[in-house]
Amino acid sequence: MQEVSAAMGAKVLERFPAGAPRGSWPAEEYAAARRAEGEPATVVMDLKSDAFLVVVPNRDDD
């Protein structure tokens, strides 16, 4: 998972298998809940692991 984080410049909050039941969007629901809390969460697909990742941008405090 570190490889994905480094390549995207994002922190992975959670991962969900791509095989969710039809009509179920757990990654989108999780991301929406994080956005409601003020996190800029986005869902991306990691094709290598066949999973949806909920990510937020890395914050560089330089």
PDB file of N, CA and C in Angstrom:
ATOM      1  N   MET A   1       0.826  -1.186   0.000  1.00  0.00           N
ATOM      2  CA  MET A   1       0.000   0.000   0.000  1.00  0.00           C
ATOM      3  C   MET A   1       0.871   1.251   0.000  1.00  0.00           C
ATOM      4  N   GLN A   2       2.074   1.203   0.564  1.00  0.00           N
ATOM      5  CA  GLN A   2       2.950   2.360   0.549  1.00  0.00           C
ATOM      6  C   GLN A   2       3.293   2.769  -0.867  1.00  0.00           C
ATOM      7  N   GLU A   3       3.425   1.790  -1.759  1.00  0.00           N
ATOM      8  CA  GLU A   3       3.730   2.084  -3.157  1.00  0.00           C
ATOM      9  C   GLU A   3       2.638   2.954  -3.769  1.00  0.00           C
ATOM     10  N   VAL A   4       1.392   2.612  -3.512  1.00  0.00           N
ATOM     11  CA  VAL A   4       0.267   3.392  -4.035  1.00  0.00           C
ATOM     12  C   VAL A   4       0.284   4.795  -3.441  1.00  0.00           C
ATOM     13  N   SER A   5       0.497   4.894  -2.143  1.00  0.00           N
ATOM     14  CA  SER A   5       0.516   6.198  -1.479  1.00  0.00           C
ATOM     15  C   SER A   5       1.603   7.096  -2.048  1.00  0.00           C
ATOM     16  N   ALA A   6       2.787   6.556  -2.206  1.00  0.00           N
ATOM     17  CA  ALA A   6       3.906   7.345  -2.711  1.00  0.00           C
ATOM     18  C   ALA A   6       3.672   7.781  -4.145  1.00  0.00           C
ATOM     19  N   ALA A   7       3.159   6.890  -4.965  1.00  0.00           N
ATOM     20  CA  ALA A   7       2.936   7.203  -6.377  1.00  0.00           C
ATOM     21  C   ALA A   7       1.873   8.285  -6.546  1.00  0.00           C
ATOM     22  N   MET A   8       0.889   8.289  -5.694  1.00  0.00           N
ATOM     23  CA  MET A   8      -0.212   9.247  -5.816  1.00  0.00           C
ATOM     24  C   MET A   8       0.018  10.527  -5.023  1.00  0.00           C
ATOM     25  N   GLY A   9       0.953  10.516  -4.103  1.00  0.00           N
ATOM     26  CA  GLY A   9       1.101  11.664  -3.224  1.00  0.00           C
ATOM     27  C   GLY A   9      -0.087  11.793  -2.302  1.00  0.00           C
ATOM     28  N   ALA A  10      -0.652  10.665  -1.894  1.00  0.00           N
ATOM     29  CA  ALA A  10      -1.852  10.655  -1.061  1.00  0.00           C
ATOM     30  C   ALA A  10      -1.707   9.632   0.055  1.00  0.00           C
ATOM     31  N   LYS A  11      -2.465   9.848   1.114  1.00  0.00           N
ATOM     32  CA  LYS A  11      -2.511   8.920   2.234  1.00  0.00           C
ATOM     33  C   LYS A  11      -3.753   8.051   2.082  1.00  0.00           C
ATOM     34  N   VAL A  12      -3.586   6.737   2.181  1.00  0.00           N
ATOM     35  CA  VAL A  12      -4.709   5.808   2.085  1.00  0.00           C
ATOM     36  C   VAL A  12      -5.354   5.681   3.455  1.00  0.00           C
ATOM     37  N   LEU A  13      -6.634   6.041   3.541  1.00  0.00           N
ATOM     38  CA  LEU A  13      -7.368   5.925   4.798  1.00  0.00           C
ATOM     39  C   LEU A  13      -7.937   4.527   4.993  1.00  0.00           C
ATOM     40  N   GLU A  14      -8.445   3.952   3.921  1.00  0.00           N
ATOM     41  CA  GLU A  14      -9.118   2.643   4.002  1.00  0.00           C
ATOM     42  C   GLU A  14      -9.121   2.008   2.630  1.00  0.00           C
ATOM     43  N   ARG A  15      -9.209   0.685   2.598  1.00  0.00           N
ATOM     44  CA  ARG A  15      -9.299  -0.043   1.337  1.00  0.00           C
ATOM     45  C   ARG A  15     -10.483  -1.004   1.395  1.00  0.00           C
ATOM     46  N   PHE A  16     -11.133  -1.184   0.250  1.00  0.00           N
ATOM     47  CA  PHE A  16     -12.314  -2.034   0.157  1.00  0.00           C
ATOM     48  C   PHE A  16     -12.160  -2.946  -1.053  1.00  0.00           C
ATOM     49  N   PRO A  17     -12.448  -4.236  -0.910  1.00  0.00           N
ATOM     50  CA  PRO A  17     -12.365  -5.134  -2.072  1.00  0.00           C
ATOM     51  C   PRO A  17     -13.339  -4.693  -3.159  1.00  0.00           C
ATOM     52  N   ALA A  18     -12.952  -4.898  -4.400  1.00  0.00           N
ATOM     53  CA  ALA A  18     -13.786  -4.469  -5.523  1.00  0.00           C
ATOM     54  C   ALA A  18     -15.035  -5.328  -5.682  1.00  0.00           C
ATOM     55  N   GLY A  19     -15.102  -6.454  -5.049  1.00  0.00           N
ATOM     56  CA  GLY A  19     -16.228  -7.369  -5.219  1.00  0.00           C
ATOM     57  C   GLY A  19     -17.385  -7.142  -4.269  1.00  0.00           C
ATOM     58  N   ALA A  20     -17.742  -5.916  -3.993  1.00  0.00           N
ATOM     59  CA  ALA A  20     -18.880  -5.637  -3.110  1.00  0.00           C
ATOM     60  C   ALA A  20     -20.178  -6.103  -3.776  1.00  0.00           C
ATOM     61  N   PRO A  21     -21.178  -6.437  -2.973  1.00  0.00           N
ATOM     62  CA  PRO A  21     -22.463  -6.856  -3.563  1.00  0.00           C
ATOM     63  C   PRO A  21     -23.040  -5.781  -4.483  1.00  0.00           C
ATOM     64  N   ARG A  22     -23.782  -6.220  -5.469  1.00  0.00           N
ATOM     65  CA  ARG A  22     -24.380  -5.298  -6.432  1.00  0.00           C
ATOM     66  C   ARG A  22     -25.224  -4.247  -5.712  1.00  0.00           C
ATOM     67  N   GLY A  23     -25.016  -2.987  -6.085  1.00  0.00           N
ATOM     68  CA  GLY A  23     -25.759  -1.901  -5.471  1.00  0.00           C
ATOM     69  C   GLY A  23     -25.141  -1.391  -4.182  1.00  0.00           C
ATOM     70  N   SER A  24     -24.023  -1.991  -3.753  1.00  0.00           N
ATOM     71  CA  SER A  24     -23.348  -1.581  -2.533  1.00  0.00           C
ATOM     72  C   SER A  24     -22.080  -0.814  -2.901  1.00  0.00           C
ATOM     73  N   TRP A  25     -21.877   0.334  -2.288  1.00  0.00           N
ATOM     74  CA  TRP A  25     -20.716   1.170  -2.569  1.00  0.00           C
ATOM     75  C   TRP A  25     -20.024   1.549  -1.268  1.00  0.00           C
ATOM     76  N   PRO A  26     -19.437   0.579  -0.559  1.00  0.00           N
ATOM     77  CA  PRO A  26     -18.870   0.886   0.761  1.00  0.00           C
ATOM     78  C   PRO A  26     -17.747   1.919   0.721  1.00  0.00           C
ATOM     79  N   ALA A  27     -16.914   1.908  -0.305  1.00  0.00           N
ATOM     80  CA  ALA A  27     -15.828   2.892  -0.384  1.00  0.00           C
ATOM     81  C   ALA A  27     -16.396   4.303  -0.559  1.00  0.00           C
ATOM     82  N   GLU A  28     -17.404   4.445  -1.412  1.00  0.00           N
ATOM     83  CA  GLU A  28     -18.027   5.755  -1.619  1.00  0.00           C
ATOM     84  C   GLU A  28     -18.721   6.238  -0.346  1.00  0.00           C
ATOM     85  N   GLU A  29     -19.369   5.333   0.364  1.00  0.00           N
ATOM     86  CA  GLU A  29     -20.046   5.702   1.605  1.00  0.00           C
ATOM     87  C   GLU A  29     -19.034   6.139   2.662  1.00  0.00           C
ATOM     88  N   TYR A  30     -17.922   5.424   2.757  1.00  0.00           N
ATOM     89  CA  TYR A  30     -16.873   5.769   3.712  1.00  0.00           C
ATOM     90  C   TYR A  30     -16.281   7.139   3.366  1.00  0.00           C
ATOM     91  N   ALA A  31     -15.991   7.364   2.080  1.00  0.00           N
ATOM     92  CA  ALA A  31     -15.435   8.641   1.646  1.00  0.00           C
ATOM     93  C   ALA A  31     -16.415   9.784   1.925  1.00  0.00           C
ATOM     94  N   ALA A  32     -17.694   9.558   1.687  1.00  0.00           N
ATOM     95  CA  ALA A  32     -18.701  10.597   1.946  1.00  0.00           C
ATOM     96  C   ALA A  32     -18.741  10.956   3.431  1.00  0.00           C
ATOM     97  N   ALA A  33     -18.623   9.961   4.287  1.00  0.00           N
ATOM     98  CA  ALA A  33     -18.609  10.208   5.729  1.00  0.00           C
ATOM     99  C   ALA A  33     -17.377  11.018   6.121  1.00  0.00           C
ATOM    100  N   ARG A  34     -16.227  10.718   5.525  1.00  0.00           N
ATOM    101  CA  ARG A  34     -15.004  11.484   5.807  1.00  0.00           C
ATOM    102  C   ARG A  34     -15.142  12.923   5.314  1.00  0.00           C
ATOM    103  N   ARG A  35     -15.749  13.093   4.114  1.00  0.00           N
ATOM    104  CA  ARG A  35     -15.961  14.450   3.601  1.00  0.00           C
ATOM    105  C   ARG A  35     -16.890  15.234   4.511  1.00  0.00           C
ATOM    106  N   ALA A  36     -17.892  14.583   5.067  1.00  0.00           N
ATOM    107  CA  ALA A  36     -18.814  15.242   5.996  1.00  0.00           C
ATOM    108  C   ALA A  36     -18.085  15.717   7.250  1.00  0.00           C
ATOM    109  N   GLU A  37     -16.961  15.060   7.579  1.00  0.00           N
ATOM    110  CA  GLU A  37     -16.137  15.451   8.729  1.00  0.00           C
ATOM    111  C   GLU A  37     -15.058  16.465   8.351  1.00  0.00           C
ATOM    112  N   GLY A  38     -15.038  16.871   7.075  1.00  0.00           N
ATOM    113  CA  GLY A  38     -14.084  17.883   6.653  1.00  0.00           C
ATOM    114  C   GLY A  38     -12.832  17.357   5.961  1.00  0.00           C
ATOM    115  N   GLU A  39     -12.694  16.043   5.807  1.00  0.00           N
ATOM    116  CA  GLU A  39     -11.543  15.464   5.098  1.00  0.00           C
ATOM    117  C   GLU A  39     -11.825  15.477   3.595  1.00  0.00           C
ATOM    118  N   PRO A  40     -10.850  15.844   2.769  1.00  0.00           N
ATOM    119  CA  PRO A  40     -11.055  15.834   1.313  1.00  0.00           C
ATOM    120  C   PRO A  40     -10.872  14.433   0.719  1.00  0.00           C
ATOM    121  N   ALA A  41     -11.664  13.487   1.159  1.00  0.00           N
ATOM    122  CA  ALA A  41     -11.509  12.079   0.764  1.00  0.00           C
ATOM    123  C   ALA A  41     -12.020  11.820  -0.653  1.00  0.00           C
ATOM    124  N   THR A  42     -11.282  10.969  -1.362  1.00  0.00           N
ATOM    125  CA  THR A  42     -11.609  10.580  -2.724  1.00  0.00           C
ATOM    126  C   THR A  42     -11.457   9.070  -2.852  1.00  0.00           C
ATOM    127  N   VAL A  43     -12.220   8.468  -3.728  1.00  0.00           N
ATOM    128  CA  VAL A  43     -12.102   7.030  -3.985  1.00  0.00           C
ATOM    129  C   VAL A  43     -11.352   6.826  -5.299  1.00  0.00           C
ATOM    130  N   VAL A  44     -10.355   5.948  -5.260  1.00  0.00           N
ATOM    131  CA  VAL A  44      -9.607   5.570  -6.457  1.00  0.00           C
ATOM    132  C   VAL A  44      -9.552   4.057  -6.535  1.00  0.00           C
ATOM    133  N   MET A  45      -9.346   3.560  -7.742  1.00  0.00           N
ATOM    134  CA  MET A  45      -9.255   2.114  -7.955  1.00  0.00           C
ATOM    135  C   MET A  45      -7.786   1.728  -8.067  1.00  0.00           C
ATOM    136  N   ASP A  46      -7.372   0.741  -7.279  1.00  0.00           N
ATOM    137  CA  ASP A  46      -6.034   0.170  -7.395  1.00  0.00           C
ATOM    138  C   ASP A  46      -6.183  -1.125  -8.184  1.00  0.00           C
ATOM    139  N   LEU A  47      -5.876  -1.059  -9.469  1.00  0.00           N
ATOM    140  CA  LEU A  47      -6.066  -2.221 -10.337  1.00  0.00           C
ATOM    141  C   LEU A  47      -5.178  -3.392  -9.940  1.00  0.00           C
ATOM    142  N   LYS A  48      -3.985  -3.090  -9.449  1.00  0.00           N
ATOM    143  CA  LYS A  48      -3.042  -4.148  -9.084  1.00  0.00           C
ATOM    144  C   LYS A  48      -3.605  -5.046  -7.969  1.00  0.00           C
ATOM    145  N   SER A  49      -4.248  -4.433  -6.985  1.00  0.00           N
ATOM    146  CA  SER A  49      -4.802  -5.215  -5.874  1.00  0.00           C
ATOM    147  C   SER A  49      -6.302  -5.450  -6.003  1.00  0.00           C
ATOM    148  N   ASP A  50      -6.933  -4.940  -7.069  1.00  0.00           N
ATOM    149  CA  ASP A  50      -8.371  -5.082  -7.298  1.00  0.00           C
ATOM    150  C   ASP A  50      -9.159  -4.587  -6.085  1.00  0.00           C
ATOM    151  N   ALA A  51      -8.831  -3.349  -5.667  1.00  0.00           N
ATOM    152  CA  ALA A  51      -9.483  -2.768  -4.499  1.00  0.00           C
ATOM    153  C   ALA A  51      -9.732  -1.287  -4.735  1.00  0.00           C
ATOM    154  N   PHE A  52     -10.763  -0.784  -4.064  1.00  0.00           N
ATOM    155  CA  PHE A  52     -11.028   0.650  -4.046  1.00  0.00           C
ATOM    156  C   PHE A  52     -10.335   1.220  -2.817  1.00  0.00           C
ATOM    157  N   LEU A  53      -9.634   2.331  -3.003  1.00  0.00           N
ATOM    158  CA  LEU A  53      -8.922   2.980  -1.913  1.00  0.00           C
ATOM    159  C   LEU A  53      -9.556   4.335  -1.639  1.00  0.00           C
ATOM    160  N   VAL A  54      -9.739   4.639  -0.369  1.00  0.00           N
ATOM    161  CA  VAL A  54     -10.193   5.966   0.021  1.00  0.00           C
ATOM    162  C   VAL A  54      -8.930   6.724   0.431  1.00  0.00           C
ATOM    163  N   VAL A  55      -8.649   7.812  -0.276  1.00  0.00           N
ATOM    164  CA  VAL A  55      -7.407   8.546  -0.064  1.00  0.00           C
ATOM    165  C   VAL A  55      -7.680  10.015   0.224  1.00  0.00           C
ATOM    166  N   VAL A  56      -6.700  10.638   0.897  1.00  0.00           N
ATOM    167  CA  VAL A  56      -6.682  12.086   1.097  1.00  0.00           C
ATOM    168  C   VAL A  56      -5.308  12.573   0.664  1.00  0.00           C
ATOM    169  N   PRO A  57      -5.209  13.799   0.174  1.00  0.00           N
ATOM    170  CA  PRO A  57      -3.906  14.322  -0.245  1.00  0.00           C
ATOM    171  C   PRO A  57      -2.942  14.385   0.938  1.00  0.00           C
ATOM    172  N   ASN A  58      -1.658  14.091   0.663  1.00  0.00           N
ATOM    173  CA  ASN A  58      -0.621  14.290   1.685  1.00  0.00           C
ATOM    174  C   ASN A  58      -0.498  15.763   1.960  1.00  0.00           C
ATOM    175  N   ARG A  59      -0.332  16.100   3.201  1.00  0.00           N
ATOM    176  CA  ARG A  59      -0.156  17.507   3.572  1.00  0.00           C
ATOM    177  C   ARG A  59       1.295  17.746   3.903  1.00  0.00           C
ATOM    178  N   ASP A  60       1.945  18.536   3.093  1.00  0.00           N
ATOM    179  CA  ASP A  60       3.335  18.905   3.350  1.00  0.00           C
ATOM    180  C   ASP A  60       3.357  20.208   4.110  1.00  0.00           C
ATOM    181  N   ASP A  61       3.861  20.174   5.316  1.00  0.00           N
ATOM    182  CA  ASP A  61       3.932  21.373   6.161  1.00  0.00           C
ATOM    183  C   ASP A  61       5.337  21.945   6.144  1.00  0.00           C
ATOM    184  N   ASP A  62       5.884  22.182   4.935  1.00  0.00           N
ATOM    185  CA  ASP A  62       7.249  22.693   4.802  1.00  0.00           C
ATOM    186  C   ASP A  62       7.310  24.173   5.011  1.00  0.00           C
TER     187      ASP A  62
END
